[in-house]
Amino acid sequence: MAEVMDEIEKRLSDASEACIKSYTAWRKDPKEGKNREDLMEAVHELRKVGARLEIEIAISERDEMAAKPIPIPPHRSSRRGGGNDTGADDNIGNVMDSGNSGGGGGAFGGGGGGGHRGPRRPHHRSGGGGGGGRPQGGQ
């Protein structure tokens, strides 16, 4: 990586020097097309070196971040149900406010709706599935 940084440092130095020279020449005679063209080319080269430097910075940050463990978010690190760390309480925050666990209504609703949504309607699917007009059971 040190050789890459040495290469970038040399390119950055050379491109900066060329840009300053081209800028000085262009400022002396801004109407000269060649001076303007040289300056634009030098600025473009400086942008390319800058982009390469940004890539190296990103790679360095990525390598640095890979060395650190990802911290556990606060909402996951402080369990509300006590010290149970078995993973069984993963849905502890998903219990309905009314004390109902949210189930009991079958696949097409009917159970506790939480109260904040309005009336629950069954999902319409083709084929069987409870709640239809005909009784099930072969009659």
N, C-alpha and C. Protein backbone atom coordinates (compact mmCIF):
# COMPACT_ATOMS: atom_id res chain seq x y z
N MET A 1 0.83 -1.19 0.00
CA MET A 1 0.00 0.00 0.00
C MET A 1 0.87 1.26 0.00
N ALA A 2 2.05 1.15 0.60
CA ALA A 2 2.94 2.32 0.65
C ALA A 2 3.38 2.73 -0.75
N GLU A 3 3.58 1.73 -1.63
CA GLU A 3 4.00 2.08 -2.99
C GLU A 3 2.86 2.76 -3.76
N VAL A 4 1.62 2.38 -3.47
CA VAL A 4 0.47 3.03 -4.10
C VAL A 4 0.40 4.49 -3.64
N MET A 5 0.60 4.71 -2.34
CA MET A 5 0.56 6.07 -1.81
C MET A 5 1.72 6.91 -2.36
N ASP A 6 2.88 6.28 -2.54
CA ASP A 6 4.01 7.00 -3.14
C ASP A 6 3.70 7.40 -4.57
N GLU A 7 3.04 6.50 -5.29
CA GLU A 7 2.65 6.79 -6.68
C GLU A 7 1.63 7.94 -6.70
N ILE A 8 0.66 7.88 -5.81
CA ILE A 8 -0.35 8.94 -5.75
C ILE A 8 0.29 10.26 -5.36
N GLU A 9 1.21 10.22 -4.41
CA GLU A 9 1.88 11.45 -3.99
C GLU A 9 2.65 12.07 -5.16
N LYS A 10 3.35 11.23 -5.93
CA LYS A 10 4.11 11.74 -7.09
C LYS A 10 3.15 12.31 -8.14
N ARG A 11 2.08 11.57 -8.44
CA ARG A 11 1.10 12.06 -9.42
C ARG A 11 0.46 13.36 -8.96
N LEU A 12 0.14 13.44 -7.67
CA LEU A 12 -0.48 14.64 -7.11
C LEU A 12 0.47 15.83 -7.22
N SER A 13 1.71 15.60 -6.90
CA SER A 13 2.72 16.66 -6.98
C SER A 13 2.91 17.12 -8.42
N ASP A 14 3.07 16.16 -9.34
CA ASP A 14 3.27 16.50 -10.75
C ASP A 14 2.05 17.23 -11.33
N ALA A 15 0.86 16.71 -11.03
CA ALA A 15 -0.36 17.31 -11.57
C ALA A 15 -0.57 18.71 -11.00
N SER A 16 -0.27 18.90 -9.73
CA SER A 16 -0.42 20.23 -9.11
C SER A 16 0.54 21.22 -9.75
N GLU A 17 1.78 20.78 -9.93
CA GLU A 17 2.79 21.64 -10.55
C GLU A 17 2.39 22.03 -11.97
N ALA A 18 1.93 21.05 -12.75
CA ALA A 18 1.51 21.31 -14.13
C ALA A 18 0.31 22.24 -14.15
N CYS A 19 -0.59 22.07 -13.20
CA CYS A 19 -1.79 22.90 -13.13
C CYS A 19 -1.41 24.35 -12.82
N ILE A 20 -0.48 24.54 -11.89
CA ILE A 20 -0.05 25.89 -11.53
C ILE A 20 0.64 26.56 -12.72
N LYS A 21 1.49 25.82 -13.41
CA LYS A 21 2.17 26.38 -14.60
C LYS A 21 1.15 26.75 -15.68
N SER A 22 0.20 25.86 -15.92
CA SER A 22 -0.82 26.13 -16.95
C SER A 22 -1.70 27.31 -16.55
N TYR A 23 -2.01 27.41 -15.28
CA TYR A 23 -2.83 28.52 -14.79
C TYR A 23 -2.09 29.85 -14.97
N THR A 24 -0.81 29.85 -14.63
CA THR A 24 -0.01 31.07 -14.77
C THR A 24 0.04 31.51 -16.23
N ALA A 25 0.25 30.55 -17.13
CA ALA A 25 0.30 30.87 -18.56
C ALA A 25 -1.05 31.37 -19.04
N TRP A 26 -2.13 30.76 -18.60
CA TRP A 26 -3.46 31.18 -19.03
C TRP A 26 -3.79 32.57 -18.50
N ARG A 27 -3.40 32.89 -17.25
CA ARG A 27 -3.67 34.22 -16.67
C ARG A 27 -2.94 35.31 -17.44
N LYS A 28 -1.75 35.01 -17.97
CA LYS A 28 -0.99 36.00 -18.75
C LYS A 28 -1.68 36.29 -20.08
N ASP A 29 -2.26 35.25 -20.68
CA ASP A 29 -2.91 35.44 -21.98
C ASP A 29 -4.16 34.55 -22.06
N PRO A 30 -5.27 35.01 -21.45
CA PRO A 30 -6.48 34.18 -21.39
C PRO A 30 -7.14 33.95 -22.76
N LYS A 31 -6.79 34.75 -23.76
CA LYS A 31 -7.41 34.59 -25.08
C LYS A 31 -6.72 33.52 -25.92
N GLU A 32 -5.56 33.13 -25.51
CA GLU A 32 -4.81 32.10 -26.25
C GLU A 32 -5.46 30.74 -26.02
N GLY A 33 -5.91 30.12 -27.08
CA GLY A 33 -6.62 28.84 -26.99
C GLY A 33 -5.77 27.71 -26.44
N LYS A 34 -4.50 27.70 -26.79
CA LYS A 34 -3.61 26.62 -26.32
C LYS A 34 -3.44 26.69 -24.81
N ASN A 35 -3.32 27.91 -24.26
CA ASN A 35 -3.19 28.05 -22.80
C ASN A 35 -4.43 27.52 -22.08
N ARG A 36 -5.58 27.87 -22.62
CA ARG A 36 -6.84 27.40 -22.02
C ARG A 36 -6.94 25.88 -22.10
N GLU A 37 -6.59 25.32 -23.25
CA GLU A 37 -6.64 23.87 -23.44
C GLU A 37 -5.67 23.16 -22.48
N ASP A 38 -4.47 23.69 -22.34
CA ASP A 38 -3.48 23.10 -21.42
C ASP A 38 -3.98 23.15 -19.97
N LEU A 39 -4.59 24.27 -19.61
CA LEU A 39 -5.11 24.41 -18.26
C LEU A 39 -6.24 23.41 -18.01
N MET A 40 -7.15 23.28 -18.96
CA MET A 40 -8.25 22.32 -18.81
C MET A 40 -7.71 20.90 -18.68
N GLU A 41 -6.71 20.55 -19.44
CA GLU A 41 -6.10 19.23 -19.36
C GLU A 41 -5.43 19.01 -18.00
N ALA A 42 -4.74 20.04 -17.50
CA ALA A 42 -4.08 19.94 -16.20
C ALA A 42 -5.11 19.80 -15.07
N VAL A 43 -6.21 20.53 -15.16
CA VAL A 43 -7.27 20.43 -14.16
C VAL A 43 -7.90 19.03 -14.20
N HIS A 44 -8.08 18.52 -15.40
CA HIS A 44 -8.65 17.18 -15.55
C HIS A 44 -7.73 16.13 -14.91
N GLU A 45 -6.44 16.26 -15.15
CA GLU A 45 -5.48 15.33 -14.56
C GLU A 45 -5.50 15.43 -13.03
N LEU A 46 -5.62 16.64 -12.53
CA LEU A 46 -5.70 16.85 -11.08
C LEU A 46 -6.97 16.19 -10.51
N ARG A 47 -8.07 16.27 -11.24
CA ARG A 47 -9.30 15.60 -10.81
C ARG A 47 -9.12 14.08 -10.77
N LYS A 48 -8.45 13.53 -11.77
CA LYS A 48 -8.22 12.08 -11.80
C LYS A 48 -7.38 11.64 -10.61
N VAL A 49 -6.35 12.41 -10.30
CA VAL A 49 -5.51 12.07 -9.14
C VAL A 49 -6.34 12.20 -7.86
N GLY A 50 -7.16 13.23 -7.78
CA GLY A 50 -8.02 13.41 -6.60
C GLY A 50 -8.99 12.25 -6.44
N ALA A 51 -9.54 11.77 -7.56
CA ALA A 51 -10.47 10.64 -7.51
C ALA A 51 -9.75 9.38 -7.04
N ARG A 52 -8.53 9.19 -7.52
CA ARG A 52 -7.74 8.03 -7.10
C ARG A 52 -7.44 8.11 -5.60
N LEU A 53 -7.15 9.29 -5.13
CA LEU A 53 -6.88 9.50 -3.71
C LEU A 53 -8.13 9.20 -2.88
N GLU A 54 -9.30 9.63 -3.36
CA GLU A 54 -10.55 9.32 -2.65
C GLU A 54 -10.79 7.82 -2.57
N ILE A 55 -10.46 7.10 -3.63
CA ILE A 55 -10.61 5.64 -3.64
C ILE A 55 -9.70 5.02 -2.58
N GLU A 56 -8.46 5.48 -2.52
CA GLU A 56 -7.53 4.96 -1.52
C GLU A 56 -8.00 5.26 -0.10
N ILE A 57 -8.56 6.43 0.11
CA ILE A 57 -9.10 6.78 1.43
C ILE A 57 -10.25 5.84 1.78
N ALA A 58 -11.15 5.59 0.84
CA ALA A 58 -12.28 4.69 1.08
C ALA A 58 -11.81 3.27 1.39
N ILE A 59 -10.80 2.80 0.66
CA ILE A 59 -10.26 1.47 0.91
C ILE A 59 -9.66 1.41 2.31
N SER A 60 -8.95 2.45 2.67
CA SER A 60 -8.34 2.51 4.00
C SER A 60 -9.41 2.48 5.09
N GLU A 61 -10.49 3.25 4.90
CA GLU A 61 -11.58 3.25 5.87
C GLU A 61 -12.26 1.90 5.95
N ARG A 62 -12.42 1.26 4.80
CA ARG A 62 -13.07 -0.06 4.77
C ARG A 62 -12.21 -1.07 5.53
N ASP A 63 -10.90 -1.03 5.31
CA ASP A 63 -10.01 -1.95 6.02
C ASP A 63 -10.02 -1.68 7.52
N GLU A 64 -10.07 -0.40 7.87
CA GLU A 64 -10.11 -0.03 9.28
C GLU A 64 -11.41 -0.50 9.93
N MET A 65 -12.52 -0.34 9.21
CA MET A 65 -13.83 -0.75 9.76
C MET A 65 -13.92 -2.26 9.87
N ALA A 66 -13.27 -2.99 8.97
CA ALA A 66 -13.31 -4.45 9.01
C ALA A 66 -12.59 -4.97 10.25
N ALA A 67 -11.63 -4.22 10.74
CA ALA A 67 -10.87 -4.64 11.91
C ALA A 67 -11.68 -4.45 13.19
N LYS A 68 -12.67 -3.56 13.18
CA LYS A 68 -13.49 -3.30 14.36
C LYS A 68 -14.75 -4.15 14.31
N PRO A 69 -15.17 -4.71 15.44
CA PRO A 69 -16.45 -5.42 15.43
C PRO A 69 -17.60 -4.41 15.30
N ILE A 70 -18.67 -4.84 14.68
CA ILE A 70 -19.83 -3.98 14.51
C ILE A 70 -20.54 -3.88 15.86
N PRO A 71 -20.76 -2.67 16.36
CA PRO A 71 -21.40 -2.54 17.67
C PRO A 71 -22.87 -2.96 17.61
N ILE A 72 -23.35 -3.51 18.72
CA ILE A 72 -24.75 -3.90 18.82
C ILE A 72 -25.56 -2.64 19.09
N PRO A 73 -26.60 -2.38 18.29
CA PRO A 73 -27.41 -1.18 18.50
C PRO A 73 -28.01 -1.16 19.90
N PRO A 74 -28.20 0.02 20.47
CA PRO A 74 -28.73 0.12 21.83
C PRO A 74 -30.08 -0.58 22.02
N HIS A 75 -30.95 -0.55 21.02
CA HIS A 75 -32.26 -1.18 21.18
C HIS A 75 -32.15 -2.70 21.23
N ARG A 76 -31.03 -3.27 20.77
CA ARG A 76 -30.84 -4.71 20.83
C ARG A 76 -29.99 -5.11 22.03
N SER A 77 -29.12 -4.21 22.48
CA SER A 77 -28.20 -4.58 23.56
C SER A 77 -28.87 -4.54 24.92
N SER A 78 -29.88 -3.70 25.11
CA SER A 78 -30.56 -3.64 26.40
C SER A 78 -31.91 -4.31 26.26
N ARG A 79 -31.95 -5.58 26.57
CA ARG A 79 -33.19 -6.35 26.47
C ARG A 79 -34.16 -5.90 27.55
N ARG A 80 -35.43 -5.78 27.21
CA ARG A 80 -36.43 -5.30 28.16
C ARG A 80 -36.98 -6.40 29.04
N GLY A 81 -36.81 -7.65 28.68
CA GLY A 81 -37.44 -8.73 29.43
C GLY A 81 -36.56 -9.33 30.50
N GLY A 82 -35.53 -8.68 30.91
CA GLY A 82 -34.63 -9.23 31.91
C GLY A 82 -33.38 -9.73 31.25
N GLY A 83 -32.70 -10.66 31.88
CA GLY A 83 -31.42 -11.12 31.38
C GLY A 83 -31.51 -12.32 30.47
N ASN A 84 -32.68 -12.67 30.00
CA ASN A 84 -32.84 -13.82 29.13
C ASN A 84 -32.15 -13.55 27.81
N ASP A 85 -31.09 -14.27 27.53
CA ASP A 85 -30.32 -14.03 26.32
C ASP A 85 -30.40 -15.20 25.36
N THR A 86 -31.48 -15.99 25.46
CA THR A 86 -31.61 -17.17 24.62
C THR A 86 -32.10 -16.86 23.23
N GLY A 87 -32.59 -15.67 23.01
CA GLY A 87 -33.13 -15.31 21.71
C GLY A 87 -34.62 -15.57 21.63
N ALA A 88 -35.19 -16.24 22.64
CA ALA A 88 -36.62 -16.54 22.64
C ALA A 88 -37.45 -15.29 22.81
N ASP A 89 -36.88 -14.25 23.39
CA ASP A 89 -37.63 -13.01 23.60
C ASP A 89 -37.42 -12.02 22.47
N ASP A 90 -37.08 -12.52 21.31
CA ASP A 90 -36.80 -11.66 20.17
C ASP A 90 -37.99 -10.80 19.78
N ASN A 91 -39.20 -11.26 20.03
CA ASN A 91 -40.39 -10.52 19.65
C ASN A 91 -41.06 -9.85 20.84
N ILE A 92 -40.32 -9.58 21.87
CA ILE A 92 -40.92 -9.04 23.09
C ILE A 92 -41.62 -7.71 22.85
N GLY A 93 -41.14 -6.92 21.93
CA GLY A 93 -41.77 -5.64 21.65
C GLY A 93 -42.93 -5.73 20.69
N ASN A 94 -43.25 -6.93 20.21
CA ASN A 94 -44.30 -7.10 19.22
C ASN A 94 -45.64 -7.50 19.81
N VAL A 95 -45.77 -7.52 21.14
CA VAL A 95 -47.03 -7.87 21.78
C VAL A 95 -47.98 -6.68 21.66
N MET A 96 -49.25 -6.95 21.37
CA MET A 96 -50.24 -5.89 21.22
C MET A 96 -50.46 -5.17 22.55
N ASP A 97 -50.83 -3.91 22.48
CA ASP A 97 -51.07 -3.12 23.68
C ASP A 97 -52.20 -3.68 24.54
N SER A 98 -53.19 -4.33 23.94
CA SER A 98 -54.33 -4.83 24.68
C SER A 98 -53.99 -6.10 25.44
N GLY A 99 -52.78 -6.58 25.31
CA GLY A 99 -52.40 -7.80 25.98
C GLY A 99 -52.57 -9.02 25.10
N ASN A 100 -53.21 -8.87 23.97
CA ASN A 100 -53.40 -9.95 23.03
C ASN A 100 -52.10 -10.16 22.28
N SER A 101 -51.74 -11.38 22.03
CA SER A 101 -50.48 -11.65 21.35
C SER A 101 -50.57 -11.42 19.85
N GLY A 102 -51.75 -11.09 19.35
CA GLY A 102 -51.89 -10.80 17.93
C GLY A 102 -52.35 -11.99 17.13
N GLY A 103 -52.36 -13.18 17.69
CA GLY A 103 -52.76 -14.37 16.96
C GLY A 103 -54.22 -14.68 17.22
N GLY A 104 -54.62 -15.93 16.98
CA GLY A 104 -55.96 -16.39 17.33
C GLY A 104 -56.98 -16.15 16.26
N GLY A 105 -56.70 -15.47 15.22
CA GLY A 105 -57.69 -15.18 14.21
C GLY A 105 -57.56 -16.04 12.99
N GLY A 106 -56.64 -16.95 12.96
CA GLY A 106 -56.45 -17.77 11.78
C GLY A 106 -55.73 -16.99 10.70
N ALA A 107 -55.69 -17.55 9.51
CA ALA A 107 -54.94 -16.93 8.43
C ALA A 107 -55.62 -15.68 7.89
N PHE A 108 -56.93 -15.54 8.13
CA PHE A 108 -57.64 -14.41 7.55
C PHE A 108 -58.17 -13.44 8.57
N GLY A 109 -57.46 -13.25 9.64
CA GLY A 109 -57.80 -12.20 10.58
C GLY A 109 -58.90 -12.58 11.53
N GLY A 110 -59.52 -11.56 12.09
CA GLY A 110 -60.55 -11.77 13.07
C GLY A 110 -60.01 -11.60 14.47
N GLY A 111 -58.72 -11.76 14.69
CA GLY A 111 -58.12 -11.62 16.00
C GLY A 111 -57.96 -10.16 16.34
N GLY A 112 -57.27 -9.87 17.42
CA GLY A 112 -57.07 -8.48 17.88
C GLY A 112 -56.38 -7.66 16.82
N GLY A 113 -56.98 -6.56 16.46
CA GLY A 113 -56.42 -5.76 15.38
C GLY A 113 -55.56 -4.62 15.85
N GLY A 114 -55.38 -4.46 17.13
CA GLY A 114 -54.54 -3.40 17.62
C GLY A 114 -55.28 -2.10 17.79
N GLY A 115 -56.41 -1.91 17.17
CA GLY A 115 -57.23 -0.74 17.39
C GLY A 115 -56.84 0.50 16.61
N HIS A 116 -55.67 0.57 16.06
CA HIS A 116 -55.25 1.80 15.39
C HIS A 116 -55.43 1.77 13.89
N ARG A 117 -55.87 0.67 13.34
CA ARG A 117 -55.97 0.56 11.90
C ARG A 117 -57.36 0.66 11.33
N GLY A 118 -58.37 0.49 12.08
CA GLY A 118 -59.71 0.38 11.53
C GLY A 118 -60.06 -1.10 11.42
N PRO A 119 -61.22 -1.41 10.84
CA PRO A 119 -61.66 -2.81 10.81
C PRO A 119 -60.76 -3.66 9.93
N ARG A 120 -60.53 -4.89 10.40
CA ARG A 120 -59.73 -5.82 9.60
C ARG A 120 -60.62 -6.52 8.61
N ARG A 121 -60.16 -6.64 7.41
CA ARG A 121 -60.88 -7.37 6.40
C ARG A 121 -60.04 -8.56 5.97
N PRO A 122 -60.69 -9.66 5.62
CA PRO A 122 -59.90 -10.83 5.19
C PRO A 122 -59.22 -10.55 3.86
N HIS A 123 -58.08 -11.18 3.67
CA HIS A 123 -57.41 -11.10 2.38
C HIS A 123 -58.16 -12.02 1.42
N HIS A 124 -58.39 -11.56 0.22
CA HIS A 124 -59.12 -12.37 -0.75
C HIS A 124 -58.14 -13.18 -1.55
N ARG A 125 -58.33 -14.48 -1.49
CA ARG A 125 -57.50 -15.39 -2.26
C ARG A 125 -58.41 -16.34 -3.02
N SER A 126 -57.94 -16.80 -4.14
CA SER A 126 -58.73 -17.81 -4.85
C SER A 126 -58.49 -19.15 -4.19
N GLY A 127 -59.48 -19.99 -4.17
CA GLY A 127 -59.34 -21.29 -3.54
C GLY A 127 -59.80 -21.24 -2.10
N GLY A 128 -59.81 -22.33 -1.43
CA GLY A 128 -60.32 -22.55 -0.08
C GLY A 128 -59.99 -21.47 0.93
N GLY A 129 -59.93 -21.74 2.12
CA GLY A 129 -59.47 -20.85 3.16
C GLY A 129 -60.57 -20.29 4.01
N GLY A 130 -60.91 -20.42 5.03
CA GLY A 130 -61.98 -20.07 5.94
C GLY A 130 -62.67 -18.73 5.73
N GLY A 131 -63.81 -18.59 6.31
CA GLY A 131 -64.51 -17.32 6.28
C GLY A 131 -65.37 -17.13 5.05
N GLY A 132 -65.52 -18.14 4.23
CA GLY A 132 -66.33 -17.98 3.02
C GLY A 132 -67.79 -18.18 3.30
N GLY A 133 -68.63 -18.14 2.29
CA GLY A 133 -70.06 -18.28 2.45
C GLY A 133 -70.49 -19.74 2.59
N ARG A 134 -69.80 -20.68 2.03
CA ARG A 134 -70.18 -22.08 2.09
C ARG A 134 -69.54 -22.76 3.26
N PRO A 135 -70.28 -23.60 3.95
CA PRO A 135 -69.66 -24.35 5.04
C PRO A 135 -68.69 -25.40 4.48
N GLN A 136 -67.63 -25.65 5.19
CA GLN A 136 -66.64 -26.66 4.81
C GLN A 136 -67.09 -28.00 5.36
N GLY A 137 -66.71 -29.05 4.73
CA GLY A 137 -66.97 -30.37 5.31
C GLY A 137 -67.85 -31.26 4.44
N GLY A 138 -68.00 -31.00 3.22
CA GLY A 138 -68.65 -31.93 2.28
C GLY A 138 -70.15 -31.88 2.25
N GLN A 139 -70.84 -30.87 2.61
CA GLN A 139 -72.29 -30.84 2.52
C GLN A 139 -72.76 -30.28 1.22
